[in-house]
Amino acid sequence: MRLKLARLLIRWALLLVKGGETMLAVYVALIHKGVIKLEAVPTGSREKVAEALEAAGMDQNGNIA
C-alpha cells in the first residue's frame, strides 16, 4: 500500500513539474479565485492560460465577461 501511494505521489509530482493540462487548470482556477494574476504565470504557459481563460468566458483577471 505504501509503495503504491509513493508511486502515485511521485507520478503526480512529476506531472505538476512537467506542466501540461494539470497546471493549466490550476493556473486558470487560481486566476479565477484572485490568488494570482496572469503576469505571475511562467512565460512559457502564459499564452495557453490566456487562451483557456478566454475559452471559459473570462477576462485576463479571471472575471466572467
PDB file of N, CA and C in Angstrom:
ATOM      1  N   MET A   1       0.820  -1.193   0.000  1.00  0.00           N
ATOM      2  CA  MET A   1       0.000   0.000   0.000  1.00  0.00           C
ATOM      3  C   MET A   1       0.868   1.262   0.000  1.00  0.00           C
ATOM      4  N   ARG A   2       1.886   1.267   0.831  1.00  0.00           N
ATOM      5  CA  ARG A   2       2.766   2.432   0.890  1.00  0.00           C
ATOM      6  C   ARG A   2       3.506   2.638  -0.422  1.00  0.00           C
ATOM      7  N   LEU A   3       3.900   1.554  -1.035  1.00  0.00           N
ATOM      8  CA  LEU A   3       4.612   1.645  -2.307  1.00  0.00           C
ATOM      9  C   LEU A   3       3.708   2.225  -3.395  1.00  0.00           C
ATOM     10  N   LYS A   4       2.455   1.781  -3.432  1.00  0.00           N
ATOM     11  CA  LYS A   4       1.511   2.318  -4.417  1.00  0.00           C
ATOM     12  C   LYS A   4       1.272   3.801  -4.187  1.00  0.00           C
ATOM     13  N   LEU A   5       1.129   4.180  -2.927  1.00  0.00           N
ATOM     14  CA  LEU A   5       0.915   5.587  -2.611  1.00  0.00           C
ATOM     15  C   LEU A   5       2.139   6.418  -2.982  1.00  0.00           C
ATOM     16  N   ALA A   6       3.316   5.906  -2.709  1.00  0.00           N
ATOM     17  CA  ALA A   6       4.546   6.625  -3.054  1.00  0.00           C
ATOM     18  C   ALA A   6       4.658   6.792  -4.568  1.00  0.00           C
ATOM     19  N   ARG A   7       4.345   5.755  -5.316  1.00  0.00           N
ATOM     20  CA  ARG A   7       4.401   5.845  -6.782  1.00  0.00           C
ATOM     21  C   ARG A   7       3.392   6.859  -7.308  1.00  0.00           C
ATOM     22  N   LEU A   8       2.193   6.849  -6.723  1.00  0.00           N
ATOM     23  CA  LEU A   8       1.170   7.794  -7.135  1.00  0.00           C
ATOM     24  C   LEU A   8       1.609   9.231  -6.861  1.00  0.00           C
ATOM     25  N   LEU A   9       2.166   9.478  -5.689  1.00  0.00           N
ATOM     26  CA  LEU A   9       2.624  10.824  -5.344  1.00  0.00           C
ATOM     27  C   LEU A   9       3.779  11.275  -6.228  1.00  0.00           C
ATOM     28  N   ILE A  10       4.675  10.378  -6.540  1.00  0.00           N
ATOM     29  CA  ILE A  10       5.794  10.721  -7.419  1.00  0.00           C
ATOM     30  C   ILE A  10       5.290  11.028  -8.818  1.00  0.00           C
ATOM     31  N   ARG A  11       4.371  10.226  -9.324  1.00  0.00           N
ATOM     32  CA  ARG A  11       3.807  10.460 -10.654  1.00  0.00           C
ATOM     33  C   ARG A  11       3.092  11.803 -10.702  1.00  0.00           C
ATOM     34  N   TRP A  12       2.313  12.096  -9.659  1.00  0.00           N
ATOM     35  CA  TRP A  12       1.595  13.366  -9.582  1.00  0.00           C
ATOM     36  C   TRP A  12       2.563  14.546  -9.521  1.00  0.00           C
ATOM     37  N   ALA A  13       3.617  14.415  -8.733  1.00  0.00           N
ATOM     38  CA  ALA A  13       4.613  15.487  -8.628  1.00  0.00           C
ATOM     39  C   ALA A  13       5.307  15.720  -9.964  1.00  0.00           C
ATOM     40  N   LEU A  14       5.620  14.656 -10.666  1.00  0.00           N
ATOM     41  CA  LEU A  14       6.257  14.807 -11.971  1.00  0.00           C
ATOM     42  C   LEU A  14       5.342  15.486 -12.980  1.00  0.00           C
ATOM     43  N   LEU A  15       4.053  15.164 -12.937  1.00  0.00           N
ATOM     44  CA  LEU A  15       3.108  15.827 -13.830  1.00  0.00           C
ATOM     45  C   LEU A  15       3.007  17.310 -13.522  1.00  0.00           C
ATOM     46  N   LEU A  16       3.019  17.661 -12.248  1.00  0.00           N
ATOM     47  CA  LEU A  16       2.955  19.073 -11.879  1.00  0.00           C
ATOM     48  C   LEU A  16       4.201  19.827 -12.306  1.00  0.00           C
ATOM     49  N   VAL A  17       5.354  19.191 -12.140  1.00  0.00           N
ATOM     50  CA  VAL A  17       6.603  19.836 -12.533  1.00  0.00           C
ATOM     51  C   VAL A  17       6.664  19.966 -14.049  1.00  0.00           C
ATOM     52  N   LYS A  18       6.213  18.931 -14.732  1.00  0.00           N
ATOM     53  CA  LYS A  18       6.240  18.927 -16.192  1.00  0.00           C
ATOM     54  C   LYS A  18       5.283  19.973 -16.768  1.00  0.00           C
ATOM     55  N   GLY A  19       4.193  20.194 -16.080  1.00  0.00           N
ATOM     56  CA  GLY A  19       3.201  21.151 -16.572  1.00  0.00           C
ATOM     57  C   GLY A  19       2.117  20.438 -17.320  1.00  0.00           C
ATOM     58  N   GLY A  20       1.629  21.048 -18.369  1.00  0.00           N
ATOM     59  CA  GLY A  20       0.605  20.419 -19.180  1.00  0.00           C
ATOM     60  C   GLY A  20      -0.789  20.810 -18.738  1.00  0.00           C
ATOM     61  N   GLU A  21      -1.731  19.940 -19.005  1.00  0.00           N
ATOM     62  CA  GLU A  21      -3.136  20.236 -18.751  1.00  0.00           C
ATOM     63  C   GLU A  21      -3.425  20.437 -17.267  1.00  0.00           C
ATOM     64  N   THR A  22      -2.744  19.705 -16.412  1.00  0.00           N
ATOM     65  CA  THR A  22      -2.999  19.833 -14.980  1.00  0.00           C
ATOM     66  C   THR A  22      -2.648  21.223 -14.487  1.00  0.00           C
ATOM     67  N   MET A  23      -1.479  21.708 -14.838  1.00  0.00           N
ATOM     68  CA  MET A  23      -1.069  23.026 -14.377  1.00  0.00           C
ATOM     69  C   MET A  23      -1.886  24.113 -15.063  1.00  0.00           C
ATOM     70  N   LEU A  24      -2.306  23.883 -16.271  1.00  0.00           N
ATOM     71  CA  LEU A  24      -3.153  24.848 -16.961  1.00  0.00           C
ATOM     72  C   LEU A  24      -4.444  25.056 -16.167  1.00  0.00           C
ATOM     73  N   ALA A  25      -5.048  23.975 -15.735  1.00  0.00           N
ATOM     74  CA  ALA A  25      -6.276  24.056 -14.943  1.00  0.00           C
ATOM     75  C   ALA A  25      -6.017  24.726 -13.600  1.00  0.00           C
ATOM     76  N   VAL A  26      -4.880  24.438 -13.004  1.00  0.00           N
ATOM     77  CA  VAL A  26      -4.532  25.050 -11.716  1.00  0.00           C
ATOM     78  C   VAL A  26      -4.365  26.552 -11.876  1.00  0.00           C
ATOM     79  N   TYR A  27      -3.644  26.984 -12.905  1.00  0.00           N
ATOM     80  CA  TYR A  27      -3.442  28.411 -13.134  1.00  0.00           C
ATOM     81  C   TYR A  27      -4.766  29.129 -13.403  1.00  0.00           C
ATOM     82  N   VAL A  28      -5.630  28.538 -14.212  1.00  0.00           N
ATOM     83  CA  VAL A  28      -6.920  29.154 -14.511  1.00  0.00           C
ATOM     84  C   VAL A  28      -7.744  29.286 -13.227  1.00  0.00           C
ATOM     85  N   ALA A  29      -7.750  28.259 -12.410  1.00  0.00           N
ATOM     86  CA  ALA A  29      -8.509  28.308 -11.156  1.00  0.00           C
ATOM     87  C   ALA A  29      -7.943  29.362 -10.208  1.00  0.00           C
ATOM     88  N   LEU A  30      -6.624  29.445 -10.102  1.00  0.00           N
ATOM     89  CA  LEU A  30      -6.005  30.436  -9.221  1.00  0.00           C
ATOM     90  C   LEU A  30      -6.285  31.857  -9.692  1.00  0.00           C
ATOM     91  N   ILE A  31      -6.257  32.073 -10.996  1.00  0.00           N
ATOM     92  CA  ILE A  31      -6.558  33.398 -11.531  1.00  0.00           C
ATOM     93  C   ILE A  31      -8.024  33.733 -11.295  1.00  0.00           C
ATOM     94  N   HIS A  32      -8.902  32.768 -11.513  1.00  0.00           N
ATOM     95  CA  HIS A  32     -10.339  32.997 -11.312  1.00  0.00           C
ATOM     96  C   HIS A  32     -10.645  33.335  -9.855  1.00  0.00           C
ATOM     97  N   LYS A  33      -9.967  32.686  -8.924  1.00  0.00           N
ATOM     98  CA  LYS A  33     -10.187  32.941  -7.496  1.00  0.00           C
ATOM     99  C   LYS A  33      -9.497  34.213  -7.015  1.00  0.00           C
ATOM    100  N   GLY A  34      -8.654  34.811  -7.863  1.00  0.00           N
ATOM    101  CA  GLY A  34      -7.977  36.048  -7.491  1.00  0.00           C
ATOM    102  C   GLY A  34      -6.713  35.848  -6.685  1.00  0.00           C
ATOM    103  N   VAL A  35      -6.209  34.631  -6.660  1.00  0.00           N
ATOM    104  CA  VAL A  35      -4.998  34.342  -5.892  1.00  0.00           C
ATOM    105  C   VAL A  35      -3.759  34.864  -6.611  1.00  0.00           C
ATOM    106  N   ILE A  36      -3.722  34.713  -7.933  1.00  0.00           N
ATOM    107  CA  ILE A  36      -2.594  35.204  -8.724  1.00  0.00           C
ATOM    108  C   ILE A  36      -3.106  35.991  -9.917  1.00  0.00           C
ATOM    109  N   LYS A  37      -2.220  36.701 -10.552  1.00  0.00           N
ATOM    110  CA  LYS A  37      -2.525  37.428 -11.794  1.00  0.00           C
ATOM    111  C   LYS A  37      -1.890  36.669 -12.954  1.00  0.00           C
ATOM    112  N   LEU A  38      -2.314  36.971 -14.154  1.00  0.00           N
ATOM    113  CA  LEU A  38      -1.770  36.315 -15.342  1.00  0.00           C
ATOM    114  C   LEU A  38      -0.263  36.559 -15.456  1.00  0.00           C
ATOM    115  N   GLU A  39       0.196  37.700 -14.988  1.00  0.00           N
ATOM    116  CA  GLU A  39       1.625  38.022 -15.050  1.00  0.00           C
ATOM    117  C   GLU A  39       2.467  37.089 -14.171  1.00  0.00           C
ATOM    118  N   ALA A  40       1.843  36.437 -13.184  1.00  0.00           N
ATOM    119  CA  ALA A  40       2.568  35.530 -12.289  1.00  0.00           C
ATOM    120  C   ALA A  40       2.769  34.145 -12.903  1.00  0.00           C
ATOM    121  N   VAL A  41       2.062  33.860 -13.982  1.00  0.00           N
ATOM    122  CA  VAL A  41       2.194  32.566 -14.667  1.00  0.00           C
ATOM    123  C   VAL A  41       3.508  32.576 -15.442  1.00  0.00           C
ATOM    124  N   PRO A  42       4.266  31.477 -15.406  1.00  0.00           N
ATOM    125  CA  PRO A  42       5.517  31.424 -16.176  1.00  0.00           C
ATOM    126  C   PRO A  42       5.279  31.745 -17.653  1.00  0.00           C
ATOM    127  N   THR A  43       6.245  32.433 -18.249  1.00  0.00           N
ATOM    128  CA  THR A  43       6.075  32.927 -19.614  1.00  0.00           C
ATOM    129  C   THR A  43       5.789  31.822 -20.621  1.00  0.00           C
ATOM    130  N   GLY A  44       6.295  30.633 -20.412  1.00  0.00           N
ATOM    131  CA  GLY A  44       6.052  29.538 -21.344  1.00  0.00           C
ATOM    132  C   GLY A  44       4.604  29.085 -21.367  1.00  0.00           C
ATOM    133  N   SER A  45       3.880  29.279 -20.275  1.00  0.00           N
ATOM    134  CA  SER A  45       2.493  28.835 -20.175  1.00  0.00           C
ATOM    135  C   SER A  45       1.494  29.971 -20.265  1.00  0.00           C
ATOM    136  N   ARG A  46       1.967  31.193 -20.249  1.00  0.00           N
ATOM    137  CA  ARG A  46       1.083  32.359 -20.156  1.00  0.00           C
ATOM    138  C   ARG A  46       0.093  32.440 -21.317  1.00  0.00           C
ATOM    139  N   GLU A  47       0.543  32.165 -22.533  1.00  0.00           N
ATOM    140  CA  GLU A  47      -0.341  32.255 -23.699  1.00  0.00           C
ATOM    141  C   GLU A  47      -1.438  31.199 -23.637  1.00  0.00           C
ATOM    142  N   LYS A  48      -1.087  29.983 -23.244  1.00  0.00           N
ATOM    143  CA  LYS A  48      -2.084  28.923 -23.143  1.00  0.00           C
ATOM    144  C   LYS A  48      -3.101  29.227 -22.052  1.00  0.00           C
ATOM    145  N   VAL A  49      -2.642  29.798 -20.944  1.00  0.00           N
ATOM    146  CA  VAL A  49      -3.554  30.146 -19.856  1.00  0.00           C
ATOM    147  C   VAL A  49      -4.498  31.252 -20.307  1.00  0.00           C
ATOM    148  N   ALA A  50      -3.977  32.238 -21.031  1.00  0.00           N
ATOM    149  CA  ALA A  50      -4.823  33.320 -21.540  1.00  0.00           C
ATOM    150  C   ALA A  50      -5.882  32.769 -22.492  1.00  0.00           C
ATOM    151  N   GLU A  51      -5.508  31.825 -23.338  1.00  0.00           N
ATOM    152  CA  GLU A  51      -6.466  31.206 -24.260  1.00  0.00           C
ATOM    153  C   GLU A  51      -7.526  30.413 -23.496  1.00  0.00           C
ATOM    154  N   ALA A  52      -7.108  29.711 -22.441  1.00  0.00           N
ATOM    155  CA  ALA A  52      -8.062  28.934 -21.644  1.00  0.00           C
ATOM    156  C   ALA A  52      -9.032  29.857 -20.904  1.00  0.00           C
ATOM    157  N   LEU A  53      -8.527  30.983 -20.416  1.00  0.00           N
ATOM    158  CA  LEU A  53      -9.405  31.960 -19.761  1.00  0.00           C
ATOM    159  C   LEU A  53     -10.444  32.497 -20.746  1.00  0.00           C
ATOM    160  N   GLU A  54      -9.993  32.811 -21.956  1.00  0.00           N
ATOM    161  CA  GLU A  54     -10.901  33.329 -22.981  1.00  0.00           C
ATOM    162  C   GLU A  54     -11.937  32.272 -23.375  1.00  0.00           C
ATOM    163  N   ALA A  55     -11.493  31.029 -23.498  1.00  0.00           N
ATOM    164  CA  ALA A  55     -12.415  29.947 -23.855  1.00  0.00           C
ATOM    165  C   ALA A  55     -13.454  29.720 -22.772  1.00  0.00           C
ATOM    166  N   ALA A  56     -13.087  30.007 -21.530  1.00  0.00           N
ATOM    167  CA  ALA A  56     -14.010  29.824 -20.411  1.00  0.00           C
ATOM    168  C   ALA A  56     -14.908  31.044 -20.222  1.00  0.00           C
ATOM    169  N   GLY A  57     -14.735  32.065 -21.059  1.00  0.00           N
ATOM    170  CA  GLY A  57     -15.563  33.250 -20.961  1.00  0.00           C
ATOM    171  C   GLY A  57     -15.123  34.214 -19.887  1.00  0.00           C
ATOM    172  N   MET A  58     -13.813  34.223 -19.596  1.00  0.00           N
ATOM    173  CA  MET A  58     -13.269  35.121 -18.586  1.00  0.00           C
ATOM    174  C   MET A  58     -12.296  36.102 -19.207  1.00  0.00           C
ATOM    175  N   ASP A  59     -12.124  37.234 -18.534  1.00  0.00           N
ATOM    176  CA  ASP A  59     -11.116  38.182 -18.997  1.00  0.00           C
ATOM    177  C   ASP A  59      -9.750  37.813 -18.403  1.00  0.00           C
ATOM    178  N   GLN A  60      -8.747  38.638 -18.606  1.00  0.00           N
ATOM    179  CA  GLN A  60      -7.383  38.340 -18.155  1.00  0.00           C
ATOM    180  C   GLN A  60      -7.260  38.311 -16.630  1.00  0.00           C
ATOM    181  N   ASN A  61      -8.239  38.885 -15.927  1.00  0.00           N
ATOM    182  CA  ASN A  61      -8.224  38.899 -14.460  1.00  0.00           C
ATOM    183  C   ASN A  61      -9.054  37.769 -13.859  1.00  0.00           C
ATOM    184  N   GLY A  62      -9.641  36.941 -14.696  1.00  0.00           N
ATOM    185  CA  GLY A  62     -10.438  35.820 -14.215  1.00  0.00           C
ATOM    186  C   GLY A  62     -11.887  36.157 -13.939  1.00  0.00           C
ATOM    187  N   ASN A  63     -12.295  37.379 -14.276  1.00  0.00           N
ATOM    188  CA  ASN A  63     -13.694  37.773 -14.101  1.00  0.00           C
ATOM    189  C   ASN A  63     -14.518  37.277 -15.274  1.00  0.00           C
ATOM    190  N   ILE A  64     -15.710  36.815 -14.992  1.00  0.00           N
ATOM    191  CA  ILE A  64     -16.584  36.332 -16.050  1.00  0.00           C
ATOM    192  C   ILE A  64     -17.058  37.512 -16.873  1.00  0.00           C
ATOM    193  N   ALA A  65     -16.803  37.424 -18.174  1.00  0.00           N
ATOM    194  CA  ALA A  65     -17.126  38.548 -19.071  1.00  0.00           C
ATOM    195  C   ALA A  65     -18.544  38.499 -19.555  1.00  0.00           C
TER     196      ALA A  65
END
